[in-house]
Amino acid sequence: MTGVVDTATLGTEDTPYAVYRRIFGTERIVMSLVNVRPCCEVPTHVHNDEEQVYYVLRGHGTVTLGQERCAVGPGHAVYIPLGTQHGVSNDSPTELLEYLYVVSCVRPESGAGTG
């Protein structure tokens, strides 16, 4: 079945601050598993063409949404509206911060006003 993925078999994208495993990716939606390294931070950034949702699986950290900083841990969900500056930091010196990341890609409507 092509709609089912064993995440243990996925390749990784390593950065100095996190490891990403892309689970699914289409023109409209992306799902990834993210592991932020201890005492590291995903730099703040903005997407003008994406809405995002994070669901924390394990670890503890801080999410920045615009000027607001919120503590997060297992079971917390985070919604990041289109165009919002955001970032994630792992507050632990020893544990990973693991979260599921889902992106809805916003594309300009083609043929707007025709129907």
C-alpha atoms as a PDB file:
ATOM      1  CA  MET A   1       0.000   0.000   0.000  1.00  0.00           C
ATOM      2  CA  THR A   2       1.613   3.283  -1.115  1.00  0.00           C
ATOM      3  CA  GLY A   3      -0.201   5.390   1.516  1.00  0.00           C
ATOM      4  CA  VAL A   4       1.525   3.626   4.427  1.00  0.00           C
ATOM      5  CA  VAL A   5       5.134   4.409   5.339  1.00  0.00           C
ATOM      6  CA  ASP A   6       7.426   2.804   7.910  1.00  0.00           C
ATOM      7  CA  THR A   7       9.307   5.883   9.163  1.00  0.00           C
ATOM      8  CA  ALA A   8      12.248   3.722  10.293  1.00  0.00           C
ATOM      9  CA  THR A   9      13.046   3.080   6.608  1.00  0.00           C
ATOM     10  CA  LEU A  10      13.168   6.743   5.559  1.00  0.00           C
ATOM     11  CA  GLY A  11      16.302   8.633   4.683  1.00  0.00           C
ATOM     12  CA  THR A  12      17.280  11.678   6.705  1.00  0.00           C
ATOM     13  CA  GLU A  13      18.225  15.273   6.084  1.00  0.00           C
ATOM     14  CA  ASP A  14      20.774  16.325   8.703  1.00  0.00           C
ATOM     15  CA  THR A  15      21.358  19.925   9.732  1.00  0.00           C
ATOM     16  CA  PRO A  16      23.545  21.201  12.576  1.00  0.00           C
ATOM     17  CA  TYR A  17      20.415  21.646  14.733  1.00  0.00           C
ATOM     18  CA  ALA A  18      17.982  18.873  13.674  1.00  0.00           C
ATOM     19  CA  VAL A  19      17.376  15.677  11.728  1.00  0.00           C
ATOM     20  CA  TYR A  20      14.393  15.629   9.335  1.00  0.00           C
ATOM     21  CA  ARG A  21      12.630  12.561   7.920  1.00  0.00           C
ATOM     22  CA  ARG A  22      10.136  13.387   5.176  1.00  0.00           C
ATOM     23  CA  ILE A  23       7.209  10.983   5.473  1.00  0.00           C
ATOM     24  CA  PHE A  24       4.936  12.267   2.694  1.00  0.00           C
ATOM     25  CA  GLY A  25       5.147  15.104   0.210  1.00  0.00           C
ATOM     26  CA  THR A  26       2.653  16.202  -2.439  1.00  0.00           C
ATOM     27  CA  GLU A  27       1.886  19.522  -4.119  1.00  0.00           C
ATOM     28  CA  ARG A  28      -0.497  20.422  -1.271  1.00  0.00           C
ATOM     29  CA  ILE A  29       0.766  18.718   1.885  1.00  0.00           C
ATOM     30  CA  VAL A  30       4.045  17.664   3.481  1.00  0.00           C
ATOM     31  CA  MET A  31       4.549  15.563   6.608  1.00  0.00           C
ATOM     32  CA  SER A  32       7.909  15.142   8.325  1.00  0.00           C
ATOM     33  CA  LEU A  33       9.312  13.822  11.577  1.00  0.00           C
ATOM     34  CA  VAL A  34      11.750  16.273  13.188  1.00  0.00           C
ATOM     35  CA  ASN A  35      14.316  15.599  15.927  1.00  0.00           C
ATOM     36  CA  VAL A  36      15.856  18.781  17.316  1.00  0.00           C
ATOM     37  CA  ARG A  37      19.256  18.096  18.863  1.00  0.00           C
ATOM     38  CA  PRO A  38      19.792  18.843  22.582  1.00  0.00           C
ATOM     39  CA  CYS A  39      20.364  22.550  23.340  1.00  0.00           C
ATOM     40  CA  CYS A  40      19.800  23.414  19.656  1.00  0.00           C
ATOM     41  CA  GLU A  41      17.326  25.666  17.886  1.00  0.00           C
ATOM     42  CA  VAL A  42      15.588  25.617  14.504  1.00  0.00           C
ATOM     43  CA  PRO A  43      16.236  29.250  13.468  1.00  0.00           C
ATOM     44  CA  THR A  44      13.246  31.578  13.267  1.00  0.00           C
ATOM     45  CA  HIS A  45      11.923  31.952   9.754  1.00  0.00           C
ATOM     46  CA  VAL A  46       8.740  32.779   7.802  1.00  0.00           C
ATOM     47  CA  HIS A  47       6.766  30.948   5.105  1.00  0.00           C
ATOM     48  CA  ASN A  48       4.457  33.079   2.978  1.00  0.00           C
ATOM     49  CA  ASP A  49       3.058  30.059   1.145  1.00  0.00           C
ATOM     50  CA  GLU A  50       2.594  27.527   3.990  1.00  0.00           C
ATOM     51  CA  GLU A  51       0.475  26.945   7.059  1.00  0.00           C
ATOM     52  CA  GLN A  52       2.064  24.524   9.518  1.00  0.00           C
ATOM     53  CA  VAL A  53       1.095  22.314  12.434  1.00  0.00           C
ATOM     54  CA  TYR A  54       3.535  20.720  14.886  1.00  0.00           C
ATOM     55  CA  TYR A  55       2.610  17.881  17.234  1.00  0.00           C
ATOM     56  CA  VAL A  56       5.189  17.210  19.948  1.00  0.00           C
ATOM     57  CA  LEU A  57       5.890  13.504  20.497  1.00  0.00           C
ATOM     58  CA  ARG A  58       8.675  13.663  23.097  1.00  0.00           C
ATOM     59  CA  GLY A  59      11.020  16.079  24.805  1.00  0.00           C
ATOM     60  CA  HIS A  60      10.488  19.662  25.927  1.00  0.00           C
ATOM     61  CA  GLY A  61      11.235  22.934  24.254  1.00  0.00           C
ATOM     62  CA  THR A  62      10.092  26.405  23.362  1.00  0.00           C
ATOM     63  CA  VAL A  63       8.204  27.494  20.244  1.00  0.00           C
ATOM     64  CA  THR A  64       8.471  31.072  19.030  1.00  0.00           C
ATOM     65  CA  LEU A  65       5.410  32.448  17.205  1.00  0.00           C
ATOM     66  CA  GLY A  66       5.956  36.069  16.240  1.00  0.00           C
ATOM     67  CA  GLN A  67       6.870  37.820  19.517  1.00  0.00           C
ATOM     68  CA  GLU A  68       5.365  35.052  21.704  1.00  0.00           C
ATOM     69  CA  ARG A  69       7.379  32.193  23.226  1.00  0.00           C
ATOM     70  CA  CYS A  70       5.511  29.098  24.458  1.00  0.00           C
ATOM     71  CA  ALA A  71       6.770  26.045  26.350  1.00  0.00           C
ATOM     72  CA  VAL A  72       5.867  22.753  24.637  1.00  0.00           C
ATOM     73  CA  GLY A  73       6.085  19.072  25.515  1.00  0.00           C
ATOM     74  CA  PRO A  74       4.520  15.728  24.606  1.00  0.00           C
ATOM     75  CA  GLY A  75       0.908  16.064  23.475  1.00  0.00           C
ATOM     76  CA  HIS A  76       1.125  19.776  22.640  1.00  0.00           C
ATOM     77  CA  ALA A  77      -0.029  20.918  19.213  1.00  0.00           C
ATOM     78  CA  VAL A  78       1.119  24.161  17.596  1.00  0.00           C
ATOM     79  CA  TYR A  79      -0.602  25.969  14.711  1.00  0.00           C
ATOM     80  CA  ILE A  80       1.544  28.352  12.662  1.00  0.00           C
ATOM     81  CA  PRO A  81      -0.512  30.662  10.451  1.00  0.00           C
ATOM     82  CA  LEU A  82       0.615  31.765   7.018  1.00  0.00           C
ATOM     83  CA  GLY A  83       3.314  34.445   7.220  1.00  0.00           C
ATOM     84  CA  THR A  84       4.094  34.018  10.942  1.00  0.00           C
ATOM     85  CA  GLN A  85       7.720  34.144  12.050  1.00  0.00           C
ATOM     86  CA  HIS A  86       8.426  30.951  13.979  1.00  0.00           C
ATOM     87  CA  GLY A  87      11.165  28.736  15.394  1.00  0.00           C
ATOM     88  CA  VAL A  88      11.688  25.859  17.833  1.00  0.00           C
ATOM     89  CA  SER A  89      14.317  25.346  20.515  1.00  0.00           C
ATOM     90  CA  ASN A  90      15.163  22.219  22.463  1.00  0.00           C
ATOM     91  CA  ASP A  91      15.669  23.211  26.105  1.00  0.00           C
ATOM     92  CA  SER A  92      17.186  19.886  27.203  1.00  0.00           C
ATOM     93  CA  PRO A  93      20.945  19.328  27.412  1.00  0.00           C
ATOM     94  CA  THR A  94      20.521  15.563  26.847  1.00  0.00           C
ATOM     95  CA  GLU A  95      17.143  14.659  25.264  1.00  0.00           C
ATOM     96  CA  LEU A  96      15.878  15.088  21.708  1.00  0.00           C
ATOM     97  CA  LEU A  97      12.799  17.209  21.027  1.00  0.00           C
ATOM     98  CA  GLU A  98      10.745  15.165  18.557  1.00  0.00           C
ATOM     99  CA  TYR A  99       7.711  16.490  16.715  1.00  0.00           C
ATOM    100  CA  LEU A 100       5.561  15.705  13.725  1.00  0.00           C
ATOM    101  CA  TYR A 101       5.418  18.542  11.226  1.00  0.00           C
ATOM    102  CA  VAL A 102       2.535  18.923   8.764  1.00  0.00           C
ATOM    103  CA  VAL A 103       2.513  21.651   6.120  1.00  0.00           C
ATOM    104  CA  SER A 104      -0.389  22.765   3.988  1.00  0.00           C
ATOM    105  CA  CYS A 105       0.971  24.510   0.905  1.00  0.00           C
ATOM    106  CA  VAL A 106      -1.057  27.534  -0.143  1.00  0.00           C
ATOM    107  CA  ARG A 107      -1.053  28.182  -3.852  1.00  0.00           C
ATOM    108  CA  PRO A 108      -2.728  31.017  -5.736  1.00  0.00           C
ATOM    109  CA  GLU A 109      -6.051  29.881  -7.154  1.00  0.00           C
ATOM    110  CA  SER A 110      -5.884  29.362 -10.886  1.00  0.00           C
ATOM    111  CA  GLY A 111      -8.877  30.669 -12.752  1.00  0.00           C
ATOM    112  CA  ALA A 112     -10.198  32.614  -9.748  1.00  0.00           C
ATOM    113  CA  GLY A 113     -13.500  34.255 -10.460  1.00  0.00           C
ATOM    114  CA  THR A 114     -14.405  31.914 -13.308  1.00  0.00           C
ATOM    115  CA  GLY A 115     -16.779  29.683 -11.524  1.00  0.00           C
END
